[in-house]
């Protein structure tokens, strides 16, 4: 069950390396503290037992850095296993729910989220695939993801899907395939597979267990060309592995994570039928962790910083 979490705001200045705590005191906030060099507004929250979050949680997720983890990827595609790399980038941000975008300045209406950008790169013969899924999940852990988007590029073309959490789930999807083409539709709110990867990092014990209705990851829906909708699934959490078995899709996803905070993801496996016609067979995609670093990667954009890709074993 999702639990209520209280809120107290923090403003962090990466330039000065200072953190100033704002409370509900009557003293006015100095204007100079809202200058442009104060880059990120953070949140200190109540934990699941009513107290403040642990010092470890705040130090880890509100340090002004992202967590970047690289994985060796064995990706099933067209009935064969392809070699590649996957990267999971987790970072806390403030999200403007009305505009459905990241807040670029201090805003009292923003919602703190843990964002996951999940990327994959692999080759299919002569041509490459690039996949990215982006999920904005509230740190409060009390609702569904506020937004999910997915893009996929390869030499045949590209596809893009976006879900916005409003009164209902609003989905917009574009594809170069005739039967998918341009789609705009709404869905009743239910569990999104994409959000479970971030919910796990906040509190694995809050993951849904048992018979569920779950919308599969957008990546899977587009790779297998199945409708984006909820499907019957059964979920199990056992020995720090979370498993989703989709009964109607003949697909199983298992995510193994560190049972200790910060619950980092160690590997995942995804089994389903890959390929088409006589080439179709049950294959397992597998990703195994290589390296994790903490970094303000958006500042690491010089040629010199490419050494960090070596650290992550990406090149």
C-alpha atoms as a PDB file:
ATOM      1  CA  UNK A   1       0.000   0.000   0.000  1.00  0.00           C
ATOM      2  CA  UNK A   2       1.243   3.463  -0.845  1.00  0.00           C
ATOM      3  CA  UNK A   3       1.783   5.676   2.154  1.00  0.00           C
ATOM      4  CA  UNK A   4       1.454   9.387   2.801  1.00  0.00           C
ATOM      5  CA  UNK A   5       4.613  11.436   2.938  1.00  0.00           C
ATOM      6  CA  UNK A   6       4.863  14.995   4.281  1.00  0.00           C
ATOM      7  CA  UNK A   7       6.878  17.762   2.642  1.00  0.00           C
ATOM      8  CA  UNK A   8       9.405  20.374   3.701  1.00  0.00           C
ATOM      9  CA  UNK A   9      11.329  22.196   1.012  1.00  0.00           C
ATOM     10  CA  UNK A  10      15.040  22.501   0.514  1.00  0.00           C
ATOM     11  CA  UNK A  11      16.895  24.722  -1.899  1.00  0.00           C
ATOM     12  CA  UNK A  12      20.288  23.569  -3.057  1.00  0.00           C
ATOM     13  CA  UNK A  13      22.990  25.715  -4.626  1.00  0.00           C
ATOM     14  CA  UNK A  14      25.443  23.552  -6.538  1.00  0.00           C
ATOM     15  CA  UNK A  15      27.719  26.537  -7.152  1.00  0.00           C
ATOM     16  CA  UNK A  16      28.307  27.338  -3.512  1.00  0.00           C
ATOM     17  CA  UNK A  17      27.912  23.782  -2.229  1.00  0.00           C
ATOM     18  CA  UNK A  18      25.384  24.997   0.339  1.00  0.00           C
ATOM     19  CA  UNK A  19      21.951  23.732   1.301  1.00  0.00           C
ATOM     20  CA  UNK A  20      19.470  26.047   2.960  1.00  0.00           C
ATOM     21  CA  UNK A  21      16.432  24.673   4.686  1.00  0.00           C
ATOM     22  CA  UNK A  22      13.206  26.642   4.297  1.00  0.00           C
ATOM     23  CA  UNK A  23      10.602  26.136   6.984  1.00  0.00           C
ATOM     24  CA  UNK A  24       7.274  27.755   7.652  1.00  0.00           C
ATOM     25  CA  UNK A  25       8.820  30.531   9.792  1.00  0.00           C
ATOM     26  CA  UNK A  26       7.583  34.097   9.295  1.00  0.00           C
ATOM     27  CA  UNK A  27      10.955  35.475   8.323  1.00  0.00           C
ATOM     28  CA  UNK A  28      10.974  36.610   4.699  1.00  0.00           C
ATOM     29  CA  UNK A  29      13.192  34.765   2.217  1.00  0.00           C
ATOM     30  CA  UNK A  30      16.030  36.990   0.976  1.00  0.00           C
ATOM     31  CA  UNK A  31      15.720  37.684  -2.731  1.00  0.00           C
ATOM     32  CA  UNK A  32      19.377  36.940  -3.319  1.00  0.00           C
ATOM     33  CA  UNK A  33      18.714  33.322  -2.337  1.00  0.00           C
ATOM     34  CA  UNK A  34      16.501  32.948  -5.406  1.00  0.00           C
ATOM     35  CA  UNK A  35      19.210  34.047  -7.823  1.00  0.00           C
ATOM     36  CA  UNK A  36      19.784  32.095 -11.027  1.00  0.00           C
ATOM     37  CA  UNK A  37      22.818  30.289  -9.655  1.00  0.00           C
ATOM     38  CA  UNK A  38      20.531  28.360  -7.297  1.00  0.00           C
ATOM     39  CA  UNK A  39      19.887  25.562  -9.731  1.00  0.00           C
ATOM     40  CA  UNK A  40      17.808  22.874  -8.072  1.00  0.00           C
ATOM     41  CA  UNK A  41      14.983  22.873  -5.565  1.00  0.00           C
ATOM     42  CA  UNK A  42      14.998  19.779  -3.440  1.00  0.00           C
ATOM     43  CA  UNK A  43      12.558  18.300  -0.952  1.00  0.00           C
ATOM     44  CA  UNK A  44      13.023  16.789   2.486  1.00  0.00           C
ATOM     45  CA  UNK A  45      10.107  14.427   3.100  1.00  0.00           C
ATOM     46  CA  UNK A  46       8.476  12.376   5.797  1.00  0.00           C
ATOM     47  CA  UNK A  47       9.286   8.708   5.681  1.00  0.00           C
ATOM     48  CA  UNK A  48       6.810   5.823   5.665  1.00  0.00           C
ATOM     49  CA  UNK A  49       6.608   5.766   9.462  1.00  0.00           C
ATOM     50  CA  UNK A  50       5.810   9.455   9.878  1.00  0.00           C
ATOM     51  CA  UNK A  51       9.343  10.670  10.670  1.00  0.00           C
ATOM     52  CA  UNK A  52      11.815  12.350   8.355  1.00  0.00           C
ATOM     53  CA  UNK A  53      13.539  10.329   5.687  1.00  0.00           C
ATOM     54  CA  UNK A  54      16.823   8.820   6.708  1.00  0.00           C
ATOM     55  CA  UNK A  55      20.001  10.812   6.423  1.00  0.00           C
ATOM     56  CA  UNK A  56      21.239   8.173   3.976  1.00  0.00           C
ATOM     57  CA  UNK A  57      18.220   8.723   1.710  1.00  0.00           C
ATOM     58  CA  UNK A  58      18.635  12.497   1.677  1.00  0.00           C
ATOM     59  CA  UNK A  59      22.381  12.311   1.185  1.00  0.00           C
ATOM     60  CA  UNK A  60      22.015   9.874  -1.686  1.00  0.00           C
ATOM     61  CA  UNK A  61      19.115  11.261  -3.695  1.00  0.00           C
ATOM     62  CA  UNK A  62      19.421  14.984  -2.887  1.00  0.00           C
ATOM     63  CA  UNK A  63      23.144  15.420  -3.402  1.00  0.00           C
ATOM     64  CA  UNK A  64      22.808  17.320  -6.706  1.00  0.00           C
ATOM     65  CA  UNK A  65      23.978  14.268  -8.664  1.00  0.00           C
ATOM     66  CA  UNK A  66      22.375  11.543 -10.739  1.00  0.00           C
ATOM     67  CA  UNK A  67      22.944   7.831 -10.305  1.00  0.00           C
ATOM     68  CA  UNK A  68      24.202   6.259 -13.547  1.00  0.00           C
ATOM     69  CA  UNK A  69      24.411   2.480 -13.926  1.00  0.00           C
ATOM     70  CA  UNK A  70      25.710   0.644 -16.995  1.00  0.00           C
ATOM     71  CA  UNK A  71      24.736  -2.897 -17.977  1.00  0.00           C
ATOM     72  CA  UNK A  72      25.934  -5.507 -20.392  1.00  0.00           C
ATOM     73  CA  UNK A  73      22.930  -6.199 -22.621  1.00  0.00           C
ATOM     74  CA  UNK A  74      21.881  -9.377 -24.388  1.00  0.00           C
ATOM     75  CA  UNK A  75      18.841  -8.237 -26.365  1.00  0.00           C
ATOM     76  CA  UNK A  76      16.409 -10.537 -28.151  1.00  0.00           C
ATOM     77  CA  UNK A  77      15.432  -9.183 -31.569  1.00  0.00           C
ATOM     78  CA  UNK A  78      14.212 -10.910 -34.747  1.00  0.00           C
ATOM     79  CA  UNK A  79      14.722 -14.355 -33.230  1.00  0.00           C
ATOM     80  CA  UNK A  80      18.371 -13.826 -32.249  1.00  0.00           C
ATOM     81  CA  UNK A  81      20.315 -12.455 -29.272  1.00  0.00           C
ATOM     82  CA  UNK A  82      22.132  -9.159 -29.933  1.00  0.00           C
ATOM     83  CA  UNK A  83      24.986  -7.734 -27.873  1.00  0.00           C
ATOM     84  CA  UNK A  84      24.709  -4.165 -26.593  1.00  0.00           C
ATOM     85  CA  UNK A  85      24.716  -1.846 -23.601  1.00  0.00           C
ATOM     86  CA  UNK A  86      21.957  -0.482 -21.382  1.00  0.00           C
ATOM     87  CA  UNK A  87      22.120   2.489 -19.015  1.00  0.00           C
ATOM     88  CA  UNK A  88      19.754   3.476 -16.191  1.00  0.00           C
ATOM     89  CA  UNK A  89      19.951   7.138 -15.134  1.00  0.00           C
ATOM     90  CA  UNK A  90      18.054   8.041 -11.952  1.00  0.00           C
ATOM     91  CA  UNK A  91      17.820  11.641 -10.743  1.00  0.00           C
ATOM     92  CA  UNK A  92      15.488  13.694  -8.544  1.00  0.00           C
ATOM     93  CA  UNK A  93      13.752  16.668 -10.145  1.00  0.00           C
ATOM     94  CA  UNK A  94      10.784  18.975  -9.650  1.00  0.00           C
ATOM     95  CA  UNK A  95       7.911  18.367 -12.063  1.00  0.00           C
ATOM     96  CA  UNK A  96       5.211  20.815 -13.179  1.00  0.00           C
ATOM     97  CA  UNK A  97       2.087  18.703 -13.326  1.00  0.00           C
ATOM     98  CA  UNK A  98       0.025  21.300 -15.210  1.00  0.00           C
ATOM     99  CA  UNK A  99       2.592  21.587 -18.026  1.00  0.00           C
ATOM    100  CA  UNK A 100       3.831  18.001 -17.646  1.00  0.00           C
ATOM    101  CA  UNK A 101       7.485  19.036 -17.844  1.00  0.00           C
ATOM    102  CA  UNK A 102      10.501  19.461 -15.587  1.00  0.00           C
ATOM    103  CA  UNK A 103      10.447  22.718 -13.578  1.00  0.00           C
ATOM    104  CA  UNK A 104      13.333  24.975 -14.575  1.00  0.00           C
ATOM    105  CA  UNK A 105      12.997  27.338 -11.607  1.00  0.00           C
ATOM    106  CA  UNK A 106      11.560  27.387  -8.102  1.00  0.00           C
ATOM    107  CA  UNK A 107       7.797  26.828  -8.184  1.00  0.00           C
ATOM    108  CA  UNK A 108       5.478  26.234  -5.227  1.00  0.00           C
ATOM    109  CA  UNK A 109       3.236  24.025  -7.402  1.00  0.00           C
ATOM    110  CA  UNK A 110       5.959  21.626  -8.494  1.00  0.00           C
ATOM    111  CA  UNK A 111       5.958  17.945  -7.531  1.00  0.00           C
ATOM    112  CA  UNK A 112       9.229  16.231  -6.550  1.00  0.00           C
ATOM    113  CA  UNK A 113       9.864  13.150  -8.682  1.00  0.00           C
ATOM    114  CA  UNK A 114      12.439  10.455  -9.138  1.00  0.00           C
ATOM    115  CA  UNK A 115      13.055  10.360 -12.867  1.00  0.00           C
ATOM    116  CA  UNK A 116      14.399   7.355 -14.738  1.00  0.00           C
ATOM    117  CA  UNK A 117      15.894   7.622 -18.205  1.00  0.00           C
ATOM    118  CA  UNK A 118      16.481   4.047 -19.396  1.00  0.00           C
ATOM    119  CA  UNK A 119      18.493   3.604 -22.595  1.00  0.00           C
ATOM    120  CA  UNK A 120      19.533   0.686 -24.782  1.00  0.00           C
ATOM    121  CA  UNK A 121      21.860   0.469 -27.785  1.00  0.00           C
ATOM    122  CA  UNK A 122      22.364  -2.667 -29.866  1.00  0.00           C
ATOM    123  CA  UNK A 123      22.842  -3.640 -33.498  1.00  0.00           C
ATOM    124  CA  UNK A 124      20.660  -5.835 -35.685  1.00  0.00           C
ATOM    125  CA  UNK A 125      22.985  -6.853 -38.490  1.00  0.00           C
ATOM    126  CA  UNK A 126      24.042  -3.753 -40.417  1.00  0.00           C
ATOM    127  CA  UNK A 127      21.793  -1.283 -38.638  1.00  0.00           C
ATOM    128  CA  UNK A 128      21.624  -0.025 -35.022  1.00  0.00           C
ATOM    129  CA  UNK A 129      18.753   0.317 -32.553  1.00  0.00           C
ATOM    130  CA  UNK A 130      18.538   3.106 -29.975  1.00  0.00           C
ATOM    131  CA  UNK A 131      15.810   2.934 -27.324  1.00  0.00           C
ATOM    132  CA  UNK A 132      15.012   5.384 -24.538  1.00  0.00           C
ATOM    133  CA  UNK A 133      12.197   5.388 -21.980  1.00  0.00           C
ATOM    134  CA  UNK A 134      11.634   8.255 -19.546  1.00  0.00           C
ATOM    135  CA  UNK A 135       9.504   7.994 -16.404  1.00  0.00           C
ATOM    136  CA  UNK A 136       8.590  10.745 -13.917  1.00  0.00           C
ATOM    137  CA  UNK A 137       7.452   9.112 -10.679  1.00  0.00           C
ATOM    138  CA  UNK A 138       6.451  11.109  -7.543  1.00  0.00           C
ATOM    139  CA  UNK A 139       8.811  10.661  -4.598  1.00  0.00           C
ATOM    140  CA  UNK A 140       5.732  10.634  -2.358  1.00  0.00           C
ATOM    141  CA  UNK A 141       5.020   7.144  -3.778  1.00  0.00           C
ATOM    142  CA  UNK A 142       1.283   7.845  -3.572  1.00  0.00           C
ATOM    143  CA  UNK A 143       0.184   7.857  -7.219  1.00  0.00           C
ATOM    144  CA  UNK A 144       0.966   6.521 -10.665  1.00  0.00           C
ATOM    145  CA  UNK A 145       3.753   7.964 -12.787  1.00  0.00           C
ATOM    146  CA  UNK A 146       2.990  11.545 -13.794  1.00  0.00           C
ATOM    147  CA  UNK A 147       4.437  11.088 -17.270  1.00  0.00           C
ATOM    148  CA  UNK A 148       6.045   8.344 -19.353  1.00  0.00           C
ATOM    149  CA  UNK A 149       7.609   8.701 -22.790  1.00  0.00           C
ATOM    150  CA  UNK A 150       9.425   6.307 -25.089  1.00  0.00           C
ATOM    151  CA  UNK A 151      11.335   6.698 -28.347  1.00  0.00           C
ATOM    152  CA  UNK A 152      12.966   4.178 -30.637  1.00  0.00           C
ATOM    153  CA  UNK A 153      15.209   4.866 -33.630  1.00  0.00           C
ATOM    154  CA  UNK A 154      16.583   2.495 -36.249  1.00  0.00           C
ATOM    155  CA  UNK A 155      17.286   2.771 -39.971  1.00  0.00           C
ATOM    156  CA  UNK A 156      13.722   1.906 -40.973  1.00  0.00           C
ATOM    157  CA  UNK A 157      12.360   4.905 -39.033  1.00  0.00           C
ATOM    158  CA  UNK A 158      11.440   5.982 -35.530  1.00  0.00           C
ATOM    159  CA  UNK A 159       8.482   5.733 -33.154  1.00  0.00           C
ATOM    160  CA  UNK A 160       7.461   7.852 -30.182  1.00  0.00           C
ATOM    161  CA  UNK A 161       4.902   7.266 -27.427  1.00  0.00           C
ATOM    162  CA  UNK A 162       3.911   9.565 -24.565  1.00  0.00           C
ATOM    163  CA  UNK A 163       1.527   9.071 -21.653  1.00  0.00           C
ATOM    164  CA  UNK A 164       0.308  12.008 -19.568  1.00  0.00           C
ATOM    165  CA  UNK A 165      -1.374  11.394 -16.222  1.00  0.00           C
ATOM    166  CA  UNK A 166      -4.353  13.778 -16.058  1.00  0.00           C
ATOM    167  CA  UNK A 167      -7.997  12.950 -15.263  1.00  0.00           C
ATOM    168  CA  UNK A 168      -7.266   9.773 -17.211  1.00  0.00           C
ATOM    169  CA  UNK A 169      -4.156   8.434 -18.872  1.00  0.00           C
ATOM    170  CA  UNK A 170      -3.812  10.342 -22.141  1.00  0.00           C
ATOM    171  CA  UNK A 171      -1.682   8.548 -24.734  1.00  0.00           C
ATOM    172  CA  UNK A 172      -0.177   9.939 -27.924  1.00  0.00           C
ATOM    173  CA  UNK A 173       1.754   7.607 -30.192  1.00  0.00           C
ATOM    174  CA  UNK A 174       3.491   8.080 -33.549  1.00  0.00           C
ATOM    175  CA  UNK A 175       4.961   5.354 -35.728  1.00  0.00           C
ATOM    176  CA  UNK A 176       6.126   4.827 -39.288  1.00  0.00           C
ATOM    177  CA  UNK A 177       4.142   1.564 -39.388  1.00  0.00           C
ATOM    178  CA  UNK A 178       0.779   1.876 -41.159  1.00  0.00           C
ATOM    179  CA  UNK A 179      -1.255  -0.030 -38.562  1.00  0.00           C
ATOM    180  CA  UNK A 180       0.146   2.058 -35.687  1.00  0.00           C
ATOM    181  CA  UNK A 181       0.608   5.439 -37.411  1.00  0.00           C
ATOM    182  CA  UNK A 182      -0.688   8.421 -35.345  1.00  0.00           C
ATOM    183  CA  UNK A 183      -2.820   7.513 -32.338  1.00  0.00           C
ATOM    184  CA  UNK A 184      -4.478   9.583 -29.608  1.00  0.00           C
ATOM    185  CA  UNK A 185      -6.550   7.831 -26.945  1.00  0.00           C
ATOM    186  CA  UNK A 186      -7.352   7.680 -23.219  1.00  0.00           C
ATOM    187  CA  UNK A 187      -7.146   4.848 -20.712  1.00  0.00           C
ATOM    188  CA  UNK A 188      -8.378   4.238 -17.202  1.00  0.00           C
ATOM    189  CA  UNK A 189      -5.566   4.631 -14.691  1.00  0.00           C
ATOM    190  CA  UNK A 190      -3.808   1.438 -13.733  1.00  0.00           C
ATOM    191  CA  UNK A 191      -0.315   0.139 -12.993  1.00  0.00           C
ATOM    192  CA  UNK A 192       2.355   1.067 -15.526  1.00  0.00           C
ATOM    193  CA  UNK A 193       5.302  -1.286 -15.883  1.00  0.00           C
ATOM    194  CA  UNK A 194       7.500   1.731 -16.584  1.00  0.00           C
ATOM    195  CA  UNK A 195       6.731   3.211 -13.160  1.00  0.00           C
ATOM    196  CA  UNK A 196       7.672   0.039 -11.258  1.00  0.00           C
ATOM    197  CA  UNK A 197      11.378   0.583 -11.989  1.00  0.00           C
ATOM    198  CA  UNK A 198      11.271   3.842 -10.016  1.00  0.00           C
ATOM    199  CA  UNK A 199       8.787   2.725  -7.366  1.00  0.00           C
ATOM    200  CA  UNK A 200      11.180  -0.108  -6.553  1.00  0.00           C
ATOM    201  CA  UNK A 201      14.009   2.370  -5.867  1.00  0.00           C
ATOM    202  CA  UNK A 202      11.870   4.272  -3.339  1.00  0.00           C
ATOM    203  CA  UNK A 203      10.356   1.321  -1.484  1.00  0.00           C
ATOM    204  CA  UNK A 204      10.428  -2.250  -2.859  1.00  0.00           C
ATOM    205  CA  UNK A 205       7.832  -3.292  -0.294  1.00  0.00           C
ATOM    206  CA  UNK A 206       5.295  -0.962  -1.931  1.00  0.00           C
ATOM    207  CA  UNK A 207       5.376  -2.878  -5.237  1.00  0.00           C
ATOM    208  CA  UNK A 208       2.016  -4.433  -6.212  1.00  0.00           C
ATOM    209  CA  UNK A 209       1.818  -8.154  -5.464  1.00  0.00           C
ATOM    210  CA  UNK A 210      -0.600 -10.765  -6.820  1.00  0.00           C
ATOM    211  CA  UNK A 211      -3.073 -10.563  -9.700  1.00  0.00           C
ATOM    212  CA  UNK A 212      -2.904  -7.178 -11.403  1.00  0.00           C
ATOM    213  CA  UNK A 213      -3.803  -5.237 -14.532  1.00  0.00           C
ATOM    214  CA  UNK A 214      -0.549  -3.774 -15.886  1.00  0.00           C
ATOM    215  CA  UNK A 215       0.345  -1.744 -18.967  1.00  0.00           C
ATOM    216  CA  UNK A 216       3.577  -3.288 -20.345  1.00  0.00           C
ATOM    217  CA  UNK A 217       6.644  -1.158 -20.956  1.00  0.00           C
ATOM    218  CA  UNK A 218       6.233   1.019 -24.036  1.00  0.00           C
ATOM    219  CA  UNK A 219       9.453  -0.450 -25.426  1.00  0.00           C
ATOM    220  CA  UNK A 220       7.939  -3.939 -25.428  1.00  0.00           C
ATOM    221  CA  UNK A 221       4.637  -2.764 -26.902  1.00  0.00           C
ATOM    222  CA  UNK A 222       6.402  -1.227 -29.888  1.00  0.00           C
ATOM    223  CA  UNK A 223       8.987  -3.982 -30.422  1.00  0.00           C
ATOM    224  CA  UNK A 224       6.210  -6.595 -30.467  1.00  0.00           C
ATOM    225  CA  UNK A 225       3.556  -4.322 -32.037  1.00  0.00           C
ATOM    226  CA  UNK A 226       0.907  -5.075 -29.409  1.00  0.00           C
ATOM    227  CA  UNK A 227      -1.781  -2.560 -28.364  1.00  0.00           C
ATOM    228  CA  UNK A 228      -0.880  -0.206 -25.527  1.00  0.00           C
ATOM    229  CA  UNK A 229      -3.356  -1.260 -22.849  1.00  0.00           C
ATOM    230  CA  UNK A 230      -3.535  -3.109 -19.535  1.00  0.00           C
ATOM    231  CA  UNK A 231      -3.029  -6.885 -19.573  1.00  0.00           C
ATOM    232  CA  UNK A 232      -3.610  -9.556 -16.951  1.00  0.00           C
ATOM    233  CA  UNK A 233      -0.473 -10.180 -14.925  1.00  0.00           C
ATOM    234  CA  UNK A 234       0.670 -11.911 -11.769  1.00  0.00           C
ATOM    235  CA  UNK A 235       3.473 -10.409  -9.682  1.00  0.00           C
ATOM    236  CA  UNK A 236       5.780 -11.898  -7.043  1.00  0.00           C
ATOM    237  CA  UNK A 237       8.422 -10.353  -4.781  1.00  0.00           C
ATOM    238  CA  UNK A 238      10.812 -13.017  -3.522  1.00  0.00           C
ATOM    239  CA  UNK A 239      14.485 -12.974  -2.509  1.00  0.00           C
ATOM    240  CA  UNK A 240      15.025  -9.394  -3.765  1.00  0.00           C
ATOM    241  CA  UNK A 241      13.658 -10.289  -7.219  1.00  0.00           C
ATOM    242  CA  UNK A 242      10.419  -8.792  -8.516  1.00  0.00           C
ATOM    243  CA  UNK A 243       8.743 -10.879 -11.219  1.00  0.00           C
ATOM    244  CA  UNK A 244       5.861  -9.968 -13.528  1.00  0.00           C
ATOM    245  CA  UNK A 245       4.203 -12.751 -15.510  1.00  0.00           C
ATOM    246  CA  UNK A 246       1.885 -11.493 -18.268  1.00  0.00           C
ATOM    247  CA  UNK A 247      -0.629 -14.285 -18.793  1.00  0.00           C
ATOM    248  CA  UNK A 248      -1.988 -13.133 -22.174  1.00  0.00           C
ATOM    249  CA  UNK A 249       1.350 -12.031 -23.636  1.00  0.00           C
ATOM    250  CA  UNK A 250       3.393 -15.129 -22.777  1.00  0.00           C
ATOM    251  CA  UNK A 251       5.995 -12.776 -21.334  1.00  0.00           C
ATOM    252  CA  UNK A 252       7.887 -12.715 -18.031  1.00  0.00           C
ATOM    253  CA  UNK A 253       9.997  -9.878 -16.615  1.00  0.00           C
ATOM    254  CA  UNK A 254      12.167 -10.288 -13.505  1.00  0.00           C
ATOM    255  CA  UNK A 255      14.147  -7.470 -11.858  1.00  0.00           C
ATOM    256  CA  UNK A 256      16.799  -8.354  -9.267  1.00  0.00           C
ATOM    257  CA  UNK A 257      17.889  -5.579  -6.925  1.00  0.00           C
ATOM    258  CA  UNK A 258      20.088  -4.955  -3.915  1.00  0.00           C
ATOM    259  CA  UNK A 259      17.927  -5.684  -0.833  1.00  0.00           C
ATOM    260  CA  UNK A 260      19.704  -2.875   1.034  1.00  0.00           C
ATOM    261  CA  UNK A 261      19.231   0.844   0.371  1.00  0.00           C
ATOM    262  CA  UNK A 262      19.525   2.363  -2.228  1.00  0.00           C
ATOM    263  CA  UNK A 263      17.975  -0.792  -3.785  1.00  0.00           C
ATOM    264  CA  UNK A 264      20.095  -0.534  -6.938  1.00  0.00           C
ATOM    265  CA  UNK A 265      19.131  -2.822  -9.806  1.00  0.00           C
ATOM    266  CA  UNK A 266      21.626  -5.646 -10.317  1.00  0.00           C
ATOM    267  CA  UNK A 267      20.132  -7.340 -13.368  1.00  0.00           C
ATOM    268  CA  UNK A 268      16.933  -8.022 -15.221  1.00  0.00           C
ATOM    269  CA  UNK A 269      15.612 -10.752 -17.498  1.00  0.00           C
ATOM    270  CA  UNK A 270      12.756 -10.573 -19.977  1.00  0.00           C
ATOM    271  CA  UNK A 271      11.460 -13.694 -21.740  1.00  0.00           C
ATOM    272  CA  UNK A 272       9.003 -13.624 -24.655  1.00  0.00           C
ATOM    273  CA  UNK A 273       8.649 -14.825 -28.232  1.00  0.00           C
ATOM    274  CA  UNK A 274      11.096 -13.003 -30.511  1.00  0.00           C
ATOM    275  CA  UNK A 275      11.025 -12.996 -34.299  1.00  0.00           C
ATOM    276  CA  UNK A 276       8.237 -13.521 -36.783  1.00  0.00           C
ATOM    277  CA  UNK A 277       6.843 -16.533 -38.621  1.00  0.00           C
ATOM    278  CA  UNK A 278       9.034 -19.630 -38.622  1.00  0.00           C
ATOM    279  CA  UNK A 279      11.862 -17.595 -37.069  1.00  0.00           C
ATOM    280  CA  UNK A 280       9.872 -16.833 -33.892  1.00  0.00           C
ATOM    281  CA  UNK A 281      11.122 -18.473 -30.704  1.00  0.00           C
ATOM    282  CA  UNK A 282      11.118 -17.917 -26.960  1.00  0.00           C
ATOM    283  CA  UNK A 283      14.261 -15.964 -26.074  1.00  0.00           C
ATOM    284  CA  UNK A 284      15.473 -14.161 -22.950  1.00  0.00           C
ATOM    285  CA  UNK A 285      16.834 -10.631 -22.940  1.00  0.00           C
ATOM    286  CA  UNK A 286      19.299 -10.168 -20.082  1.00  0.00           C
ATOM    287  CA  UNK A 287      21.045  -7.126 -18.613  1.00  0.00           C
ATOM    288  CA  UNK A 288      23.816  -7.485 -16.005  1.00  0.00           C
ATOM    289  CA  UNK A 289      25.251  -4.543 -14.089  1.00  0.00           C
ATOM    290  CA  UNK A 290      28.736  -3.357 -14.985  1.00  0.00           C
ATOM    291  CA  UNK A 291      29.292  -0.151 -13.015  1.00  0.00           C
ATOM    292  CA  UNK A 292      27.498   2.567 -11.035  1.00  0.00           C
ATOM    293  CA  UNK A 293      28.674   6.147 -10.520  1.00  0.00           C
ATOM    294  CA  UNK A 294      27.137   9.292  -9.049  1.00  0.00           C
ATOM    295  CA  UNK A 295      27.647  12.336 -11.265  1.00  0.00           C
ATOM    296  CA  UNK A 296      26.140  15.681 -12.275  1.00  0.00           C
ATOM    297  CA  UNK A 297      26.451  14.366 -15.817  1.00  0.00           C
ATOM    298  CA  UNK A 298      24.775  17.413 -17.389  1.00  0.00           C
ATOM    299  CA  UNK A 299      27.923  19.347 -16.490  1.00  0.00           C
ATOM    300  CA  UNK A 300      30.253  16.671 -17.902  1.00  0.00           C
ATOM    301  CA  UNK A 301      30.040  17.679 -21.553  1.00  0.00           C
ATOM    302  CA  UNK A 302      33.680  18.397 -22.460  1.00  0.00           C
ATOM    303  CA  UNK A 303      35.866  16.090 -24.530  1.00  0.00           C
ATOM    304  CA  UNK A 304      37.867  15.556 -21.361  1.00  0.00           C
ATOM    305  CA  UNK A 305      34.808  14.083 -19.648  1.00  0.00           C
ATOM    306  CA  UNK A 306      34.591  11.186 -22.101  1.00  0.00           C
ATOM    307  CA  UNK A 307      36.836   9.306 -19.680  1.00  0.00           C
ATOM    308  CA  UNK A 308      33.680   8.735 -17.588  1.00  0.00           C
ATOM    309  CA  UNK A 309      32.353   6.527 -20.385  1.00  0.00           C
ATOM    310  CA  UNK A 310      35.419   4.351 -19.883  1.00  0.00           C
ATOM    311  CA  UNK A 311      34.639   4.243 -16.165  1.00  0.00           C
ATOM    312  CA  UNK A 312      31.130   3.018 -17.017  1.00  0.00           C
ATOM    313  CA  UNK A 313      32.588   0.475 -19.488  1.00  0.00           C
ATOM    314  CA  UNK A 314      30.416   1.872 -22.273  1.00  0.00           C
ATOM    315  CA  UNK A 315      33.143   2.178 -24.927  1.00  0.00           C
END
